[in-house]
Amino acid sequence: VARKIEDASSDNLEDSWWDRNVRSFIHEHADF
């Protein structure tokens, strides 16, 4: 399930630098 969800995001629709770096960092380290 996780792999197919990840594959679905591997398309030409690119997230912005802010999404890939800042927002992703906040999401991954939310508990910390």
PDB file of all heavy atoms in Angstrom:
ATOM      1  N   VAL A   1       0.840  -1.203   0.000  1.00  0.00           N
ATOM      2  CA  VAL A   1       0.000   0.000   0.000  1.00  0.00           C
ATOM      3  C   VAL A   1       0.874   1.252   0.000  1.00  0.00           C
ATOM      4  O   VAL A   1       0.661   2.192  -0.777  1.00  0.00           O
ATOM      5  CB  VAL A   1      -0.945  -0.013   1.224  1.00  0.00           C
ATOM      6  CG1 VAL A   1      -1.555   1.370   1.444  1.00  0.00           C
ATOM      7  CG2 VAL A   1      -2.042  -1.044   1.038  1.00  0.00           C
ATOM      8  N   ALA A   2       1.876   1.267   0.870  1.00  0.00           N
ATOM      9  CA  ALA A   2       2.764   2.432   0.945  1.00  0.00           C
ATOM     10  C   ALA A   2       3.514   2.639  -0.366  1.00  0.00           C
ATOM     11  O   ALA A   2       3.688   3.782  -0.830  1.00  0.00           O
ATOM     12  CB  ALA A   2       3.755   2.248   2.100  1.00  0.00           C
ATOM     13  N   ARG A   3       3.952   1.530  -0.987  1.00  0.00           N
ATOM     14  CA  ARG A   3       4.696   1.638  -2.244  1.00  0.00           C
ATOM     15  C   ARG A   3       3.814   2.207  -3.356  1.00  0.00           C
ATOM     16  O   ARG A   3       4.254   3.057  -4.140  1.00  0.00           O
ATOM     17  CB  ARG A   3       5.230   0.264  -2.635  1.00  0.00           C
ATOM     18  CG  ARG A   3       6.081   0.279  -3.908  1.00  0.00           C
ATOM     19  CD  ARG A   3       6.810  -1.044  -4.105  1.00  0.00           C
ATOM     20  NE  ARG A   3       5.897  -2.183  -4.049  1.00  0.00           N
ATOM     21  CZ  ARG A   3       5.819  -3.027  -3.025  1.00  0.00           C
ATOM     22  NH1 ARG A   3       6.582  -2.857  -1.951  1.00  0.00           N
ATOM     23  NH2 ARG A   3       4.979  -4.053  -3.050  1.00  0.00           N
ATOM     24  N   LYS A   4       2.562   1.755  -3.424  1.00  0.00           N
ATOM     25  CA  LYS A   4       1.674   2.242  -4.487  1.00  0.00           C
ATOM     26  C   LYS A   4       1.289   3.704  -4.270  1.00  0.00           C
ATOM     27  O   LYS A   4       1.132   4.456  -5.236  1.00  0.00           O
ATOM     28  CB  LYS A   4       0.433   1.356  -4.557  1.00  0.00           C
ATOM     29  CG  LYS A   4       0.746  -0.024  -5.136  1.00  0.00           C
ATOM     30  CD  LYS A   4      -0.492  -0.879  -5.304  1.00  0.00           C
ATOM     31  CE  LYS A   4      -0.116  -2.213  -5.978  1.00  0.00           C
ATOM     32  NZ  LYS A   4      -1.269  -3.108  -6.136  1.00  0.00           N
ATOM     33  N   ILE A   5       1.157   4.100  -3.017  1.00  0.00           N
ATOM     34  CA  ILE A   5       0.889   5.513  -2.752  1.00  0.00           C
ATOM     35  C   ILE A   5       2.100   6.361  -3.140  1.00  0.00           C
ATOM     36  O   ILE A   5       1.963   7.440  -3.738  1.00  0.00           O
ATOM     37  CB  ILE A   5       0.524   5.721  -1.268  1.00  0.00           C
ATOM     38  CG1 ILE A   5      -0.841   5.093  -0.970  1.00  0.00           C
ATOM     39  CG2 ILE A   5       0.506   7.206  -0.920  1.00  0.00           C
ATOM     40  CD1 ILE A   5      -1.234   5.170   0.490  1.00  0.00           C
ATOM     41  N   GLU A   6       3.286   5.859  -2.833  1.00  0.00           N
ATOM     42  CA  GLU A   6       4.509   6.579  -3.211  1.00  0.00           C
ATOM     43  C   GLU A   6       4.648   6.633  -4.723  1.00  0.00           C
ATOM     44  O   GLU A   6       5.016   7.677  -5.297  1.00  0.00           O
ATOM     45  CB  GLU A   6       5.725   5.895  -2.581  1.00  0.00           C
ATOM     46  CG  GLU A   6       7.063   6.511  -2.963  1.00  0.00           C
ATOM     47  CD  GLU A   6       7.217   7.931  -2.469  1.00  0.00           C
ATOM     48  OE1 GLU A   6       6.550   8.298  -1.495  1.00  0.00           O
ATOM     49  OE2 GLU A   6       8.010   8.675  -3.072  1.00  0.00           O
ATOM     50  N   ASP A   7       4.339   5.514  -5.414  1.00  0.00           N
ATOM     51  CA  ASP A   7       4.425   5.497  -6.886  1.00  0.00           C
ATOM     52  C   ASP A   7       3.451   6.497  -7.495  1.00  0.00           C
ATOM     53  O   ASP A   7       3.741   7.103  -8.539  1.00  0.00           O
ATOM     54  CB  ASP A   7       4.128   4.093  -7.407  1.00  0.00           C
ATOM     55  CG  ASP A   7       5.237   3.104  -7.076  1.00  0.00           C
ATOM     56  OD1 ASP A   7       6.344   3.568  -6.738  1.00  0.00           O
ATOM     57  OD2 ASP A   7       4.995   1.889  -7.144  1.00  0.00           O
ATOM     58  N   ALA A   8       2.289   6.665  -6.841  1.00  0.00           N
ATOM     59  CA  ALA A   8       1.290   7.589  -7.388  1.00  0.00           C
ATOM     60  C   ALA A   8       1.787   9.028  -7.372  1.00  0.00           C
ATOM     61  O   ALA A   8       1.340   9.856  -8.176  1.00  0.00           O
ATOM     62  CB  ALA A   8      -0.012   7.486  -6.595  1.00  0.00           C
ATOM     63  N   SER A   9       2.711   9.329  -6.467  1.00  0.00           N
ATOM     64  CA  SER A   9       3.239  10.696  -6.394  1.00  0.00           C
ATOM     65  C   SER A   9       4.456  10.895  -7.290  1.00  0.00           C
ATOM     66  O   SER A   9       4.974  12.002  -7.384  1.00  0.00           O
ATOM     67  CB  SER A   9       3.610  11.030  -4.940  1.00  0.00           C
ATOM     68  OG  SER A   9       4.676  10.217  -4.501  1.00  0.00           O
ATOM     69  N   SER A  10       4.912   9.811  -7.940  1.00  0.00           N
ATOM     70  CA  SER A  10       6.076   9.920  -8.828  1.00  0.00           C
ATOM     71  C   SER A  10       5.596  10.229 -10.242  1.00  0.00           C
ATOM     72  O   SER A  10       5.614   9.382 -11.126  1.00  0.00           O
ATOM     73  CB  SER A  10       6.879   8.616  -8.803  1.00  0.00           C
ATOM     74  OG  SER A  10       7.356   8.354  -7.509  1.00  0.00           O
ATOM     75  N   ASP A  11       5.113  11.432 -10.439  1.00  0.00           N
ATOM     76  CA  ASP A  11       4.618  11.845 -11.742  1.00  0.00           C
ATOM     77  C   ASP A  11       5.237  13.192 -12.092  1.00  0.00           C
ATOM     78  O   ASP A  11       6.179  13.646 -11.471  1.00  0.00           O
ATOM     79  CB  ASP A  11       3.079  11.906 -11.751  1.00  0.00           C
ATOM     80  CG  ASP A  11       2.540  12.700 -10.564  1.00  0.00           C
ATOM     81  OD1 ASP A  11       3.238  13.638 -10.134  1.00  0.00           O
ATOM     82  OD2 ASP A  11       1.437  12.382 -10.081  1.00  0.00           O
ATOM     83  N   ASN A  12       4.675  13.828 -13.091  1.00  0.00           N
ATOM     84  CA  ASN A  12       5.227  15.106 -13.544  1.00  0.00           C
ATOM     85  C   ASN A  12       4.765  16.285 -12.699  1.00  0.00           C
ATOM     86  O   ASN A  12       5.189  17.410 -12.931  1.00  0.00           O
ATOM     87  CB  ASN A  12       4.834  15.358 -15.005  1.00  0.00           C
ATOM     88  CG  ASN A  12       5.485  14.341 -15.939  1.00  0.00           C
ATOM     89  OD1 ASN A  12       6.607  13.900 -15.686  1.00  0.00           O
ATOM     90  ND2 ASN A  12       4.779  13.954 -16.999  1.00  0.00           N
ATOM     91  N   LEU A  13       3.868  16.018 -11.769  1.00  0.00           N
ATOM     92  CA  LEU A  13       3.379  17.086 -10.904  1.00  0.00           C
ATOM     93  C   LEU A  13       4.341  17.237  -9.734  1.00  0.00           C
ATOM     94  O   LEU A  13       4.290  16.485  -8.765  1.00  0.00           O
ATOM     95  CB  LEU A  13       1.966  16.757 -10.403  1.00  0.00           C
ATOM     96  CG  LEU A  13       1.268  17.836  -9.572  1.00  0.00           C
ATOM     97  CD1 LEU A  13       1.103  19.121 -10.369  1.00  0.00           C
ATOM     98  CD2 LEU A  13      -0.080  17.338  -9.074  1.00  0.00           C
ATOM     99  N   GLU A  14       5.239  18.181  -9.858  1.00  0.00           N
ATOM    100  CA  GLU A  14       6.292  18.350  -8.864  1.00  0.00           C
ATOM    101  C   GLU A  14       5.846  19.296  -7.760  1.00  0.00           C
ATOM    102  O   GLU A  14       5.235  20.332  -8.010  1.00  0.00           O
ATOM    103  CB  GLU A  14       7.561  18.914  -9.520  1.00  0.00           C
ATOM    104  CG  GLU A  14       8.252  17.929 -10.449  1.00  0.00           C
ATOM    105  CD  GLU A  14       8.840  16.751  -9.692  1.00  0.00           C
ATOM    106  OE1 GLU A  14       9.160  16.906  -8.497  1.00  0.00           O
ATOM    107  OE2 GLU A  14       8.963  15.668 -10.293  1.00  0.00           O
ATOM    108  N   ASP A  15       6.133  18.904  -6.530  1.00  0.00           N
ATOM    109  CA  ASP A  15       5.907  19.809  -5.412  1.00  0.00           C
ATOM    110  C   ASP A  15       6.975  20.903  -5.444  1.00  0.00           C
ATOM    111  O   ASP A  15       8.059  20.732  -6.000  1.00  0.00           O
ATOM    112  CB  ASP A  15       5.989  19.047  -4.087  1.00  0.00           C
ATOM    113  CG  ASP A  15       4.863  18.030  -3.948  1.00  0.00           C
ATOM    114  OD1 ASP A  15       3.746  18.356  -4.397  1.00  0.00           O
ATOM    115  OD2 ASP A  15       5.112  16.941  -3.418  1.00  0.00           O
ATOM    116  N   SER A  16       6.656  22.014  -4.821  1.00  0.00           N
ATOM    117  CA  SER A  16       7.600  23.123  -4.787  1.00  0.00           C
ATOM    118  C   SER A  16       8.767  22.813  -3.859  1.00  0.00           C
ATOM    119  O   SER A  16       8.733  21.860  -3.066  1.00  0.00           O
ATOM    120  CB  SER A  16       6.875  24.386  -4.301  1.00  0.00           C
ATOM    121  OG  SER A  16       6.500  24.240  -2.938  1.00  0.00           O
ATOM    122  N   TRP A  17       9.812  23.642  -3.959  1.00  0.00           N
ATOM    123  CA  TRP A  17      10.956  23.482  -3.056  1.00  0.00           C
ATOM    124  C   TRP A  17      10.499  23.570  -1.610  1.00  0.00           C
ATOM    125  O   TRP A  17      10.969  22.817  -0.767  1.00  0.00           O
ATOM    126  CB  TRP A  17      11.983  24.578  -3.347  1.00  0.00           C
ATOM    127  CG  TRP A  17      13.192  24.507  -2.463  1.00  0.00           C
ATOM    128  CD1 TRP A  17      14.354  23.851  -2.691  1.00  0.00           C
ATOM    129  CD2 TRP A  17      13.329  25.112  -1.155  1.00  0.00           C
ATOM    130  NE1 TRP A  17      15.210  23.993  -1.625  1.00  0.00           N
ATOM    131  CE2 TRP A  17      14.618  24.767  -0.671  1.00  0.00           C
ATOM    132  CE3 TRP A  17      12.503  25.903  -0.357  1.00  0.00           C
ATOM    133  CZ2 TRP A  17      15.082  25.198   0.566  1.00  0.00           C
ATOM    134  CZ3 TRP A  17      12.960  26.317   0.887  1.00  0.00           C
ATOM    135  CH2 TRP A  17      14.238  25.964   1.326  1.00  0.00           C
ATOM    136  N   TRP A  18       9.572  24.463  -1.334  1.00  0.00           N
ATOM    137  CA  TRP A  18       9.055  24.630   0.022  1.00  0.00           C
ATOM    138  C   TRP A  18       8.374  23.347   0.501  1.00  0.00           C
ATOM    139  O   TRP A  18       8.581  22.903   1.631  1.00  0.00           O
ATOM    140  CB  TRP A  18       8.078  25.800   0.051  1.00  0.00           C
ATOM    141  CG  TRP A  18       7.503  26.081   1.404  1.00  0.00           C
ATOM    142  CD1 TRP A  18       6.325  25.607   1.920  1.00  0.00           C
ATOM    143  CD2 TRP A  18       8.086  26.900   2.430  1.00  0.00           C
ATOM    144  NE1 TRP A  18       6.127  26.069   3.195  1.00  0.00           N
ATOM    145  CE2 TRP A  18       7.193  26.876   3.539  1.00  0.00           C
ATOM    146  CE3 TRP A  18       9.255  27.640   2.532  1.00  0.00           C
ATOM    147  CZ2 TRP A  18       7.441  27.562   4.708  1.00  0.00           C
ATOM    148  CZ3 TRP A  18       9.499  28.341   3.705  1.00  0.00           C
ATOM    149  CH2 TRP A  18       8.604  28.291   4.773  1.00  0.00           C
ATOM    150  N   ASP A  19       7.563  22.734  -0.373  1.00  0.00           N
ATOM    151  CA  ASP A  19       6.872  21.503   0.000  1.00  0.00           C
ATOM    152  C   ASP A  19       7.861  20.357   0.224  1.00  0.00           C
ATOM    153  O   ASP A  19       7.730  19.590   1.179  1.00  0.00           O
ATOM    154  CB  ASP A  19       5.868  21.093  -1.080  1.00  0.00           C
ATOM    155  CG  ASP A  19       4.664  22.017  -1.129  1.00  0.00           C
ATOM    156  OD1 ASP A  19       4.310  22.563  -0.078  1.00  0.00           O
ATOM    157  OD2 ASP A  19       4.086  22.190  -2.211  1.00  0.00           O
ATOM    158  N   ARG A  20       8.833  20.238  -0.689  1.00  0.00           N
ATOM    159  CA  ARG A  20       9.759  19.115  -0.619  1.00  0.00           C
ATOM    160  C   ARG A  20      10.716  19.226   0.561  1.00  0.00           C
ATOM    161  O   ARG A  20      11.138  18.206   1.110  1.00  0.00           O
ATOM    162  CB  ARG A  20      10.587  19.020  -1.910  1.00  0.00           C
ATOM    163  CG  ARG A  20       9.797  18.612  -3.133  1.00  0.00           C
ATOM    164  CD  ARG A  20      10.733  18.238  -4.264  1.00  0.00           C
ATOM    165  NE  ARG A  20      11.718  19.268  -4.551  1.00  0.00           N
ATOM    166  CZ  ARG A  20      11.538  20.279  -5.375  1.00  0.00           C
ATOM    167  NH1 ARG A  20      10.379  20.405  -6.013  1.00  0.00           N
ATOM    168  NH2 ARG A  20      12.490  21.160  -5.593  1.00  0.00           N
ATOM    169  N   ASN A  21      11.057  20.439   0.957  1.00  0.00           N
ATOM    170  CA  ASN A  21      12.088  20.608   1.974  1.00  0.00           C
ATOM    171  C   ASN A  21      11.524  21.069   3.320  1.00  0.00           C
ATOM    172  O   ASN A  21      11.715  20.397   4.339  1.00  0.00           O
ATOM    173  CB  ASN A  21      13.149  21.606   1.483  1.00  0.00           C
ATOM    174  CG  ASN A  21      13.918  21.074   0.291  1.00  0.00           C
ATOM    175  OD1 ASN A  21      14.870  20.330   0.448  1.00  0.00           O
ATOM    176  ND2 ASN A  21      13.514  21.456  -0.917  1.00  0.00           N
ATOM    177  N   VAL A  22      10.818  22.191   3.316  1.00  0.00           N
ATOM    178  CA  VAL A  22      10.357  22.751   4.586  1.00  0.00           C
ATOM    179  C   VAL A  22       9.169  21.974   5.134  1.00  0.00           C
ATOM    180  O   VAL A  22       9.203  21.440   6.249  1.00  0.00           O
ATOM    181  CB  VAL A  22      10.003  24.239   4.414  1.00  0.00           C
ATOM    182  CG1 VAL A  22       9.497  24.813   5.741  1.00  0.00           C
ATOM    183  CG2 VAL A  22      11.216  25.015   3.931  1.00  0.00           C
ATOM    184  N   ARG A  23       8.095  21.882   4.322  1.00  0.00           N
ATOM    185  CA  ARG A  23       6.889  21.221   4.823  1.00  0.00           C
ATOM    186  C   ARG A  23       7.134  19.734   5.072  1.00  0.00           C
ATOM    187  O   ARG A  23       6.605  19.159   6.028  1.00  0.00           O
ATOM    188  CB  ARG A  23       5.737  21.416   3.840  1.00  0.00           C
ATOM    189  CG  ARG A  23       5.287  22.875   3.699  1.00  0.00           C
ATOM    190  CD  ARG A  23       3.977  22.981   2.958  1.00  0.00           C
ATOM    191  NE  ARG A  23       2.924  22.320   3.709  1.00  0.00           N
ATOM    192  CZ  ARG A  23       1.919  21.675   3.153  1.00  0.00           C
ATOM    193  NH1 ARG A  23       1.848  21.571   1.837  1.00  0.00           N
ATOM    194  NH2 ARG A  23       0.990  21.121   3.894  1.00  0.00           N
ATOM    195  N   SER A  24       7.922  19.118   4.214  1.00  0.00           N
ATOM    196  CA  SER A  24       8.229  17.708   4.414  1.00  0.00           C
ATOM    197  C   SER A  24       9.027  17.511   5.700  1.00  0.00           C
ATOM    198  O   SER A  24       8.780  16.558   6.456  1.00  0.00           O
ATOM    199  CB  SER A  24       9.025  17.167   3.219  1.00  0.00           C
ATOM    200  OG  SER A  24       9.346  15.809   3.403  1.00  0.00           O
ATOM    201  N   PHE A  25       9.979  18.398   5.972  1.00  0.00           N
ATOM    202  CA  PHE A  25      10.764  18.308   7.202  1.00  0.00           C
ATOM    203  C   PHE A  25       9.869  18.451   8.429  1.00  0.00           C
ATOM    204  O   PHE A  25       9.984  17.683   9.399  1.00  0.00           O
ATOM    205  CB  PHE A  25      11.840  19.395   7.219  1.00  0.00           C
ATOM    206  CG  PHE A  25      12.636  19.442   8.490  1.00  0.00           C
ATOM    207  CD1 PHE A  25      13.729  18.621   8.679  1.00  0.00           C
ATOM    208  CD2 PHE A  25      12.259  20.300   9.519  1.00  0.00           C
ATOM    209  CE1 PHE A  25      14.457  18.657   9.860  1.00  0.00           C
ATOM    210  CE2 PHE A  25      12.977  20.337  10.709  1.00  0.00           C
ATOM    211  CZ  PHE A  25      14.075  19.508  10.874  1.00  0.00           C
ATOM    212  N   ILE A  26       8.959  19.422   8.387  1.00  0.00           N
ATOM    213  CA  ILE A  26       8.049  19.625   9.521  1.00  0.00           C
ATOM    214  C   ILE A  26       7.185  18.388   9.735  1.00  0.00           C
ATOM    215  O   ILE A  26       6.987  17.935  10.867  1.00  0.00           O
ATOM    216  CB  ILE A  26       7.168  20.871   9.282  1.00  0.00           C
ATOM    217  CG1 ILE A  26       8.036  22.135   9.295  1.00  0.00           C
ATOM    218  CG2 ILE A  26       6.073  20.970  10.332  1.00  0.00           C
ATOM    219  CD1 ILE A  26       7.283  23.396   8.919  1.00  0.00           C
ATOM    220  N   HIS A  27       6.679  17.818   8.642  1.00  0.00           N
ATOM    221  CA  HIS A  27       5.815  16.643   8.739  1.00  0.00           C
ATOM    222  C   HIS A  27       6.570  15.439   9.313  1.00  0.00           C
ATOM    223  O   HIS A  27       6.064  14.730  10.182  1.00  0.00           O
ATOM    224  CB  HIS A  27       5.247  16.308   7.362  1.00  0.00           C
ATOM    225  CG  HIS A  27       4.321  15.128   7.362  1.00  0.00           C
ATOM    226  ND1 HIS A  27       3.078  15.171   7.930  1.00  0.00           N
ATOM    227  CD2 HIS A  27       4.476  13.868   6.871  1.00  0.00           C
ATOM    228  CE1 HIS A  27       2.497  13.986   7.789  1.00  0.00           C
ATOM    229  NE2 HIS A  27       3.325  13.191   7.158  1.00  0.00           N
ATOM    230  N   GLU A  28       7.783  15.227   8.836  1.00  0.00           N
ATOM    231  CA  GLU A  28       8.558  14.065   9.278  1.00  0.00           C
ATOM    232  C   GLU A  28       9.025  14.194  10.722  1.00  0.00           C
ATOM    233  O   GLU A  28       9.262  13.182  11.391  1.00  0.00           O
ATOM    234  CB  GLU A  28       9.767  13.875   8.351  1.00  0.00           C
ATOM    235  CG  GLU A  28       9.396  13.446   6.936  1.00  0.00           C
ATOM    236  CD  GLU A  28      10.600  13.461   6.014  1.00  0.00           C
ATOM    237  OE1 GLU A  28      11.709  13.751   6.497  1.00  0.00           O
ATOM    238  OE2 GLU A  28      10.419  13.197   4.807  1.00  0.00           O
ATOM    239  N   HIS A  29       9.188  15.418  11.204  1.00  0.00           N
ATOM    240  CA  HIS A  29       9.697  15.637  12.563  1.00  0.00           C
ATOM    241  C   HIS A  29       8.634  16.278  13.453  1.00  0.00           C
ATOM    242  O   HIS A  29       8.967  16.956  14.430  1.00  0.00           O
ATOM    243  CB  HIS A  29      10.948  16.513  12.527  1.00  0.00           C
ATOM    244  CG  HIS A  29      12.081  15.928  11.743  1.00  0.00           C
ATOM    245  ND1 HIS A  29      12.192  16.072  10.374  1.00  0.00           N
ATOM    246  CD2 HIS A  29      13.135  15.160  12.123  1.00  0.00           C
ATOM    247  CE1 HIS A  29      13.283  15.445   9.950  1.00  0.00           C
ATOM    248  NE2 HIS A  29      13.869  14.883  10.990  1.00  0.00           N
ATOM    249  N   ALA A  30       7.361  16.049  13.122  1.00  0.00           N
ATOM    250  CA  ALA A  30       6.278  16.717  13.851  1.00  0.00           C
ATOM    251  C   ALA A  30       6.294  16.378  15.336  1.00  0.00           C
ATOM    252  O   ALA A  30       6.169  17.266  16.187  1.00  0.00           O
ATOM    253  CB  ALA A  30       4.929  16.346  13.234  1.00  0.00           C
ATOM    254  N   ASP A  31       6.471  15.108  15.663  1.00  0.00           N
ATOM    255  CA  ASP A  31       6.462  14.716  17.080  1.00  0.00           C
ATOM    256  C   ASP A  31       7.619  15.357  17.841  1.00  0.00           C
ATOM    257  O   ASP A  31       7.456  15.796  18.992  1.00  0.00           O
ATOM    258  CB  ASP A  31       6.532  13.195  17.217  1.00  0.00           C
ATOM    259  CG  ASP A  31       5.196  12.527  16.940  1.00  0.00           C
ATOM    260  OD1 ASP A  31       4.184  13.244  16.918  1.00  0.00           O
ATOM    261  OD2 ASP A  31       5.170  11.304  16.726  1.00  0.00           O
ATOM    262  N   PHE A  32       8.788  15.407  17.211  1.00  0.00           N
ATOM    263  CA  PHE A  32       9.946  16.023  17.872  1.00  0.00           C
ATOM    264  C   PHE A  32       9.715  17.522  18.067  1.00  0.00           C
ATOM    265  O   PHE A  32      10.042  18.078  19.126  1.00  0.00           O
ATOM    266  CB  PHE A  32      11.203  15.778  17.054  1.00  0.00           C
ATOM    267  CG  PHE A  32      12.448  16.368  17.664  1.00  0.00           C
ATOM    268  CD1 PHE A  32      12.954  15.882  18.859  1.00  0.00           C
ATOM    269  CD2 PHE A  32      13.105  17.426  17.059  1.00  0.00           C
ATOM    270  CE1 PHE A  32      14.092  16.430  19.435  1.00  0.00           C
ATOM    271  CE2 PHE A  32      14.238  17.985  17.620  1.00  0.00           C
ATOM    272  CZ  PHE A  32      14.742  17.481  18.818  1.00  0.00           C
TER     273      PHE A  32
END
